[in-house]
């Protein structure tokens, strides 16, 4: 039984909808603008060595606004599974 196929799912529209839903909402309340590697690792749910590598490769900057931009660009929505019985 297929719930929904990949052809029926518009990932860009779903991402746009979620991004619009977060307009004006502080997704990291109480976090300082300048982040430590440890805080960035906690926020992104990765290890500190991963954060160090990402900074070295210029994938991220240790600033709250940059981390939020990274999250929004990489945001994935929960996709229904196509399960067959």
PDB file of N, CA and C in Angstrom:
ATOM      1  N   UNK A   1       0.847  -1.185   0.000  1.00  0.00           N
ATOM      2  CA  UNK A   1       0.000   0.000   0.000  1.00  0.00           C
ATOM      3  C   UNK A   1       0.887   1.241   0.000  1.00  0.00           C
ATOM      4  N   UNK A   2       0.738   2.088  -0.984  1.00  0.00           N
ATOM      5  CA  UNK A   2       1.495   3.331  -1.041  1.00  0.00           C
ATOM      6  C   UNK A   2       0.694   4.452  -0.394  1.00  0.00           C
ATOM      7  N   UNK A   3       1.357   5.168   0.493  1.00  0.00           N
ATOM      8  CA  UNK A   3       0.714   6.317   1.129  1.00  0.00           C
ATOM      9  C   UNK A   3       0.772   7.512   0.179  1.00  0.00           C
ATOM     10  N   UNK A   4       1.972   7.778  -0.317  1.00  0.00           N
ATOM     11  CA  UNK A   4       2.183   8.869  -1.266  1.00  0.00           C
ATOM     12  C   UNK A   4       3.469   8.560  -2.017  1.00  0.00           C
ATOM     13  N   UNK A   5       3.500   8.866  -3.271  1.00  0.00           N
ATOM     14  CA  UNK A   5       4.715   8.600  -4.034  1.00  0.00           C
ATOM     15  C   UNK A   5       5.579   9.855  -4.070  1.00  0.00           C
ATOM     16  N   UNK A   6       6.863   9.678  -4.390  1.00  0.00           N
ATOM     17  CA  UNK A   6       7.759  10.822  -4.501  1.00  0.00           C
ATOM     18  C   UNK A   6       7.272  11.800  -5.554  1.00  0.00           C
ATOM     19  N   UNK A   7       6.567  11.317  -6.569  1.00  0.00           N
ATOM     20  CA  UNK A   7       6.057  12.191  -7.625  1.00  0.00           C
ATOM     21  C   UNK A   7       4.965  13.117  -7.109  1.00  0.00           C
ATOM     22  N   UNK A   8       4.271  12.702  -6.039  1.00  0.00           N
ATOM     23  CA  UNK A   8       3.184  13.505  -5.488  1.00  0.00           C
ATOM     24  C   UNK A   8       3.657  14.510  -4.442  1.00  0.00           C
ATOM     25  N   UNK A   9       4.935  14.454  -4.079  1.00  0.00           N
ATOM     26  CA  UNK A   9       5.458  15.282  -2.997  1.00  0.00           C
ATOM     27  C   UNK A   9       6.285  16.416  -3.569  1.00  0.00           C
ATOM     28  N   UNK A  10       5.903  17.643  -3.305  1.00  0.00           N
ATOM     29  CA  UNK A  10       6.650  18.805  -3.779  1.00  0.00           C
ATOM     30  C   UNK A  10       7.511  19.312  -2.629  1.00  0.00           C
ATOM     31  N   UNK A  11       8.760  18.856  -2.594  1.00  0.00           N
ATOM     32  CA  UNK A  11       9.662  19.190  -1.493  1.00  0.00           C
ATOM     33  C   UNK A  11       9.923  20.691  -1.411  1.00  0.00           C
ATOM     34  N   UNK A  12      10.070  21.356  -2.552  1.00  0.00           N
ATOM     35  CA  UNK A  12      10.310  22.803  -2.548  1.00  0.00           C
ATOM     36  C   UNK A  12       9.121  23.554  -1.957  1.00  0.00           C
ATOM     37  N   UNK A  13       7.911  23.156  -2.329  1.00  0.00           N
ATOM     38  CA  UNK A  13       6.719  23.816  -1.788  1.00  0.00           C
ATOM     39  C   UNK A  13       6.612  23.585  -0.290  1.00  0.00           C
ATOM     40  N   UNK A  14       6.947  22.380   0.158  1.00  0.00           N
ATOM     41  CA  UNK A  14       6.900  22.079   1.594  1.00  0.00           C
ATOM     42  C   UNK A  14       7.931  22.916   2.341  1.00  0.00           C
ATOM     43  N   UNK A  15       9.148  23.036   1.804  1.00  0.00           N
ATOM     44  CA  UNK A  15      10.192  23.853   2.440  1.00  0.00           C
ATOM     45  C   UNK A  15       9.759  25.311   2.475  1.00  0.00           C
ATOM     46  N   UNK A  16       9.212  25.820   1.376  1.00  0.00           N
ATOM     47  CA  UNK A  16       8.751  27.216   1.339  1.00  0.00           C
ATOM     48  C   UNK A  16       7.662  27.459   2.377  1.00  0.00           C
ATOM     49  N   UNK A  17       6.744  26.514   2.503  1.00  0.00           N
ATOM     50  CA  UNK A  17       5.668  26.648   3.490  1.00  0.00           C
ATOM     51  C   UNK A  17       6.240  26.706   4.905  1.00  0.00           C
ATOM     52  N   UNK A  18       7.175  25.817   5.215  1.00  0.00           N
ATOM     53  CA  UNK A  18       7.765  25.817   6.554  1.00  0.00           C
ATOM     54  C   UNK A  18       8.547  27.092   6.825  1.00  0.00           C
ATOM     55  N   UNK A  19       9.304  27.551   5.842  1.00  0.00           N
ATOM     56  CA  UNK A  19      10.082  28.778   6.036  1.00  0.00           C
ATOM     57  C   UNK A  19       9.158  29.968   6.271  1.00  0.00           C
ATOM     58  N   UNK A  20       8.068  30.042   5.540  1.00  0.00           N
ATOM     59  CA  UNK A  20       7.105  31.123   5.728  1.00  0.00           C
ATOM     60  C   UNK A  20       6.446  31.024   7.095  1.00  0.00           C
ATOM     61  N   UNK A  21       6.261  29.805   7.590  1.00  0.00           N
ATOM     62  CA  UNK A  21       5.640  29.609   8.900  1.00  0.00           C
ATOM     63  C   UNK A  21       6.513  30.140  10.028  1.00  0.00           C
ATOM     64  N   UNK A  22       7.830  30.190   9.794  1.00  0.00           N
ATOM     65  CA  UNK A  22       8.759  30.624  10.836  1.00  0.00           C
ATOM     66  C   UNK A  22       9.118  32.095  10.748  1.00  0.00           C
ATOM     67  N   UNK A  23       8.539  32.832   9.801  1.00  0.00           N
ATOM     68  CA  UNK A  23       8.839  34.261   9.690  1.00  0.00           C
ATOM     69  C   UNK A  23       8.519  34.972  10.998  1.00  0.00           C
ATOM     70  N   UNK A  24       9.480  35.735  11.500  1.00  0.00           N
ATOM     71  CA  UNK A  24       9.278  36.513  12.712  1.00  0.00           C
ATOM     72  C   UNK A  24       9.404  35.713  13.997  1.00  0.00           C
ATOM     73  N   UNK A  25       9.745  34.432  13.891  1.00  0.00           N
ATOM     74  CA  UNK A  25       9.889  33.589  15.078  1.00  0.00           C
ATOM     75  C   UNK A  25      11.375  33.368  15.327  1.00  0.00           C
ATOM     76  N   UNK A  26      11.823  33.630  16.556  1.00  0.00           N
ATOM     77  CA  UNK A  26      13.210  33.372  16.916  1.00  0.00           C
ATOM     78  C   UNK A  26      13.351  31.890  17.201  1.00  0.00           C
ATOM     79  N   UNK A  27      13.993  31.163  16.290  1.00  0.00           N
ATOM     80  CA  UNK A  27      14.121  29.718  16.425  1.00  0.00           C
ATOM     81  C   UNK A  27      15.183  29.316  17.449  1.00  0.00           C
ATOM     82  N   UNK A  28      16.014  30.252  17.859  1.00  0.00           N
ATOM     83  CA  UNK A  28      17.032  29.986  18.871  1.00  0.00           C
ATOM     84  C   UNK A  28      16.965  31.040  19.979  1.00  0.00           C
ATOM     85  N   UNK A  29      15.854  31.099  20.702  1.00  0.00           N
ATOM     86  CA  UNK A  29      15.724  32.137  21.729  1.00  0.00           C
ATOM     87  C   UNK A  29      16.763  31.967  22.831  1.00  0.00           C
ATOM     88  N   UNK A  30      17.300  33.073  23.259  1.00  0.00           N
ATOM     89  CA  UNK A  30      18.260  33.061  24.352  1.00  0.00           C
ATOM     90  C   UNK A  30      19.686  32.730  23.943  1.00  0.00           C
ATOM     91  N   UNK A  31      19.901  32.398  22.679  1.00  0.00           N
ATOM     92  CA  UNK A  31      21.258  32.091  22.215  1.00  0.00           C
ATOM     93  C   UNK A  31      21.962  33.381  21.834  1.00  0.00           C
ATOM     94  N   UNK A  32      23.231  33.500  22.203  1.00  0.00           N
ATOM     95  CA  UNK A  32      23.986  34.703  21.818  1.00  0.00           C
ATOM     96  C   UNK A  32      24.258  34.698  20.315  1.00  0.00           C
ATOM     97  N   UNK A  33      24.551  35.862  19.751  1.00  0.00           N
ATOM     98  CA  UNK A  33      24.844  35.940  18.310  1.00  0.00           C
ATOM     99  C   UNK A  33      26.150  35.210  17.983  1.00  0.00           C
ATOM    100  N   UNK A  34      27.148  35.351  18.847  1.00  0.00           N
ATOM    101  CA  UNK A  34      28.421  34.652  18.647  1.00  0.00           C
ATOM    102  C   UNK A  34      28.327  33.290  19.330  1.00  0.00           C
ATOM    103  N   UNK A  35      28.470  32.225  18.565  1.00  0.00           N
ATOM    104  CA  UNK A  35      28.337  30.879  19.116  1.00  0.00           C
ATOM    105  C   UNK A  35      29.692  30.203  19.272  1.00  0.00           C
ATOM    106  N   UNK A  36      29.779  29.343  20.259  1.00  0.00           N
ATOM    107  CA  UNK A  36      30.963  28.509  20.410  1.00  0.00           C
ATOM    108  C   UNK A  36      30.784  27.274  19.532  1.00  0.00           C
ATOM    109  N   UNK A  37      31.868  26.544  19.325  1.00  0.00           N
ATOM    110  CA  UNK A  37      31.774  25.298  18.560  1.00  0.00           C
ATOM    111  C   UNK A  37      30.841  24.322  19.270  1.00  0.00           C
ATOM    112  N   UNK A  38      30.898  24.319  20.604  1.00  0.00           N
ATOM    113  CA  UNK A  38      30.045  23.426  21.376  1.00  0.00           C
ATOM    114  C   UNK A  38      28.572  23.754  21.175  1.00  0.00           C
ATOM    115  N   UNK A  39      28.207  25.035  21.262  1.00  0.00           N
ATOM    116  CA  UNK A  39      26.804  25.429  21.058  1.00  0.00           C
ATOM    117  C   UNK A  39      26.333  25.111  19.644  1.00  0.00           C
ATOM    118  N   UNK A  40      27.180  25.388  18.656  1.00  0.00           N
ATOM    119  CA  UNK A  40      26.810  25.093  17.272  1.00  0.00           C
ATOM    120  C   UNK A  40      26.602  23.590  17.090  1.00  0.00           C
ATOM    121  N   UNK A  41      27.440  22.783  17.716  1.00  0.00           N
ATOM    122  CA  UNK A  41      27.304  21.325  17.618  1.00  0.00           C
ATOM    123  C   UNK A  41      25.992  20.869  18.247  1.00  0.00           C
ATOM    124  N   UNK A  42      25.634  21.447  19.368  1.00  0.00           N
ATOM    125  CA  UNK A  42      24.373  21.094  20.035  1.00  0.00           C
ATOM    126  C   UNK A  42      23.189  21.482  19.160  1.00  0.00           C
ATOM    127  N   UNK A  43      23.228  22.685  18.611  1.00  0.00           N
ATOM    128  CA  UNK A  43      22.117  23.173  17.783  1.00  0.00           C
ATOM    129  C   UNK A  43      21.935  22.294  16.551  1.00  0.00           C
ATOM    130  N   UNK A  44      23.041  21.950  15.890  1.00  0.00           N
ATOM    131  CA  UNK A  44      22.967  21.174  14.647  1.00  0.00           C
ATOM    132  C   UNK A  44      22.964  19.662  14.883  1.00  0.00           C
ATOM    133  N   UNK A  45      23.093  19.270  16.151  1.00  0.00           N
ATOM    134  CA  UNK A  45      23.091  17.849  16.525  1.00  0.00           C
ATOM    135  C   UNK A  45      24.170  17.062  15.794  1.00  0.00           C
ATOM    136  N   UNK A  46      25.376  17.642  15.825  1.00  0.00           N
ATOM    137  CA  UNK A  46      26.557  16.978  15.283  1.00  0.00           C
ATOM    138  C   UNK A  46      27.675  17.097  16.317  1.00  0.00           C
ATOM    139  N   UNK A  47      28.814  16.472  16.038  1.00  0.00           N
ATOM    140  CA  UNK A  47      29.937  16.533  16.971  1.00  0.00           C
ATOM    141  C   UNK A  47      30.742  17.824  16.789  1.00  0.00           C
ATOM    142  N   UNK A  48      31.528  18.158  17.817  1.00  0.00           N
ATOM    143  CA  UNK A  48      32.386  19.339  17.707  1.00  0.00           C
ATOM    144  C   UNK A  48      33.415  19.188  16.583  1.00  0.00           C
ATOM    145  N   UNK A  49      34.028  17.982  16.385  1.00  0.00           N
ATOM    146  CA  UNK A  49      34.934  17.853  15.230  1.00  0.00           C
ATOM    147  C   UNK A  49      34.237  18.128  13.893  1.00  0.00           C
ATOM    148  N   UNK A  50      32.965  17.757  13.789  1.00  0.00           N
ATOM    149  CA  UNK A  50      32.210  18.048  12.570  1.00  0.00           C
ATOM    150  C   UNK A  50      32.055  19.553  12.396  1.00  0.00           C
ATOM    151  N   UNK A  51      31.748  20.260  13.480  1.00  0.00           N
ATOM    152  CA  UNK A  51      31.631  21.727  13.422  1.00  0.00           C
ATOM    153  C   UNK A  51      32.967  22.340  13.012  1.00  0.00           C
ATOM    154  N   UNK A  52      34.056  21.872  13.606  1.00  0.00           N
ATOM    155  CA  UNK A  52      35.379  22.397  13.240  1.00  0.00           C
ATOM    156  C   UNK A  52      35.642  22.212  11.752  1.00  0.00           C
ATOM    157  N   UNK A  53      35.309  21.021  11.223  1.00  0.00           N
ATOM    158  CA  UNK A  53      35.501  20.760   9.796  1.00  0.00           C
ATOM    159  C   UNK A  53      34.623  21.680   8.953  1.00  0.00           C
ATOM    160  N   UNK A  54      33.363  21.855   9.372  1.00  0.00           N
ATOM    161  CA  UNK A  54      32.445  22.712   8.616  1.00  0.00           C
ATOM    162  C   UNK A  54      32.927  24.157   8.593  1.00  0.00           C
ATOM    163  N   UNK A  55      33.489  24.616   9.707  1.00  0.00           N
ATOM    164  CA  UNK A  55      34.025  25.980   9.766  1.00  0.00           C
ATOM    165  C   UNK A  55      35.244  26.089   8.849  1.00  0.00           C
ATOM    166  N   UNK A  56      36.141  25.106   8.914  1.00  0.00           N
ATOM    167  CA  UNK A  56      37.339  25.121   8.068  1.00  0.00           C
ATOM    168  C   UNK A  56      36.978  25.089   6.587  1.00  0.00           C
ATOM    169  N   UNK A  57      35.932  24.338   6.249  1.00  0.00           N
ATOM    170  CA  UNK A  57      35.501  24.238   4.851  1.00  0.00           C
ATOM    171  C   UNK A  57      34.548  25.366   4.455  1.00  0.00           C
ATOM    172  N   UNK A  58      34.337  26.297   5.376  1.00  0.00           N
ATOM    173  CA  UNK A  58      33.485  27.478   5.157  1.00  0.00           C
ATOM    174  C   UNK A  58      32.045  27.120   4.812  1.00  0.00           C
ATOM    175  N   UNK A  59      31.567  26.020   5.390  1.00  0.00           N
ATOM    176  CA  UNK A  59      30.163  25.651   5.226  1.00  0.00           C
ATOM    177  C   UNK A  59      29.289  26.438   6.188  1.00  0.00           C
ATOM    178  N   UNK A  60      29.858  26.806   7.338  1.00  0.00           N
ATOM    179  CA  UNK A  60      29.123  27.588   8.330  1.00  0.00           C
ATOM    180  C   UNK A  60      30.055  28.608   8.963  1.00  0.00           C
ATOM    181  N   UNK A  61      29.443  29.591   9.603  1.00  0.00           N
ATOM    182  CA  UNK A  61      30.130  30.586  10.415  1.00  0.00           C
ATOM    183  C   UNK A  61      29.499  30.477  11.801  1.00  0.00           C
ATOM    184  N   UNK A  62      30.294  30.674  12.836  1.00  0.00           N
ATOM    185  CA  UNK A  62      29.789  30.498  14.200  1.00  0.00           C
ATOM    186  C   UNK A  62      29.021  31.729  14.687  1.00  0.00           C
ATOM    187  N   UNK A  63      27.976  32.060  13.955  1.00  0.00           N
ATOM    188  CA  UNK A  63      27.065  33.142  14.325  1.00  0.00           C
ATOM    189  C   UNK A  63      25.649  32.593  14.274  1.00  0.00           C
ATOM    190  N   UNK A  64      24.828  33.050  15.205  1.00  0.00           N
ATOM    191  CA  UNK A  64      23.444  32.580  15.283  1.00  0.00           C
ATOM    192  C   UNK A  64      22.723  32.756  13.951  1.00  0.00           C
ATOM    193  N   UNK A  65      22.853  33.920  13.349  1.00  0.00           N
ATOM    194  CA  UNK A  65      22.146  34.192  12.095  1.00  0.00           C
ATOM    195  C   UNK A  65      22.620  33.260  10.983  1.00  0.00           C
ATOM    196  N   UNK A  66      23.915  32.967  10.941  1.00  0.00           N
ATOM    197  CA  UNK A  66      24.450  32.075   9.914  1.00  0.00           C
ATOM    198  C   UNK A  66      23.979  30.642  10.133  1.00  0.00           C
ATOM    199  N   UNK A  67      23.921  30.212  11.379  1.00  0.00           N
ATOM    200  CA  UNK A  67      23.449  28.860  11.694  1.00  0.00           C
ATOM    201  C   UNK A  67      21.973  28.730  11.314  1.00  0.00           C
ATOM    202  N   UNK A  68      21.181  29.763  11.596  1.00  0.00           N
ATOM    203  CA  UNK A  68      19.761  29.727  11.219  1.00  0.00           C
ATOM    204  C   UNK A  68      19.596  29.660   9.704  1.00  0.00           C
ATOM    205  N   UNK A  69      20.397  30.402   8.977  1.00  0.00           N
ATOM    206  CA  UNK A  69      20.351  30.360   7.518  1.00  0.00           C
ATOM    207  C   UNK A  69      20.714  28.964   7.030  1.00  0.00           C
ATOM    208  N   UNK A  70      21.745  28.368   7.621  1.00  0.00           N
ATOM    209  CA  UNK A  70      22.152  27.006   7.248  1.00  0.00           C
ATOM    210  C   UNK A  70      21.009  26.030   7.498  1.00  0.00           C
ATOM    211  N   UNK A  71      20.370  26.131   8.658  1.00  0.00           N
ATOM    212  CA  UNK A  71      19.256  25.240   8.993  1.00  0.00           C
ATOM    213  C   UNK A  71      18.134  25.389   7.972  1.00  0.00           C
ATOM    214  N   UNK A  72      17.782  26.617   7.650  1.00  0.00           N
ATOM    215  CA  UNK A  72      16.685  26.841   6.701  1.00  0.00           C
ATOM    216  C   UNK A  72      17.024  26.304   5.314  1.00  0.00           C
ATOM    217  N   UNK A  73      18.284  26.437   4.895  1.00  0.00           N
ATOM    218  CA  UNK A  73      18.687  25.936   3.581  1.00  0.00           C
ATOM    219  C   UNK A  73      18.679  24.417   3.532  1.00  0.00           C
ATOM    220  N   UNK A  74      19.016  23.784   4.637  1.00  0.00           N
ATOM    221  CA  UNK A  74      19.130  22.324   4.678  1.00  0.00           C
ATOM    222  C   UNK A  74      17.885  21.650   5.238  1.00  0.00           C
ATOM    223  N   UNK A  75      16.893  22.454   5.617  1.00  0.00           N
ATOM    224  CA  UNK A  75      15.706  21.919   6.276  1.00  0.00           C
ATOM    225  C   UNK A  75      15.011  20.885   5.407  1.00  0.00           C
ATOM    226  N   UNK A  76      14.713  19.773   6.013  1.00  0.00           N
ATOM    227  CA  UNK A  76      13.954  18.730   5.339  1.00  0.00           C
ATOM    228  C   UNK A  76      12.680  18.503   6.139  1.00  0.00           C
ATOM    229  N   UNK A  77      11.623  18.283   5.453  1.00  0.00           N
ATOM    230  CA  UNK A  77      10.367  17.993   6.140  1.00  0.00           C
ATOM    231  C   UNK A  77      10.241  16.489   6.294  1.00  0.00           C
ATOM    232  N   UNK A  78       9.447  16.081   7.246  1.00  0.00           N
ATOM    233  CA  UNK A  78       9.193  14.647   7.387  1.00  0.00           C
ATOM    234  C   UNK A  78       8.413  14.182   6.180  1.00  0.00           C
ATOM    235  N   UNK A  79       8.998  13.205   5.497  1.00  0.00           N
ATOM    236  CA  UNK A  79       8.348  12.698   4.294  1.00  0.00           C
ATOM    237  C   UNK A  79       7.629  11.413   4.620  1.00  0.00           C
ATOM    238  N   UNK A  80       6.429  11.258   4.122  1.00  0.00           N
ATOM    239  CA  UNK A  80       5.719   9.986   4.336  1.00  0.00           C
ATOM    240  C   UNK A  80       6.514   8.841   3.716  1.00  0.00           C
ATOM    241  N   UNK A  81       6.439   7.699   4.345  1.00  0.00           N
ATOM    242  CA  UNK A  81       7.122   6.521   3.825  1.00  0.00           C
ATOM    243  C   UNK A  81       6.221   5.782   2.857  1.00  0.00           C
ATOM    244  N   UNK A  82       6.814   5.255   1.827  1.00  0.00           N
ATOM    245  CA  UNK A  82       6.070   4.395   0.909  1.00  0.00           C
ATOM    246  C   UNK A  82       6.255   2.966   1.409  1.00  0.00           C
ATOM    247  N   UNK A  83       5.294   2.509   2.158  1.00  0.00           N
ATOM    248  CA  UNK A  83       5.384   1.167   2.728  1.00  0.00           C
ATOM    249  C   UNK A  83       4.477   0.223   1.966  1.00  0.00           C
ATOM    250  N   UNK A  84       5.032  -0.889   1.584  1.00  0.00           N
ATOM    251  CA  UNK A  84       4.230  -1.899   0.908  1.00  0.00           C
ATOM    252  C   UNK A  84       4.055  -3.070   1.843  1.00  0.00           C
ATOM    253  N   UNK A  85       2.855  -3.601   1.912  1.00  0.00           N
ATOM    254  CA  UNK A  85       2.580  -4.743   2.781  1.00  0.00           C
ATOM    255  C   UNK A  85       2.508  -6.001   1.975  1.00  0.00           C
TER     256      UNK A  85
END
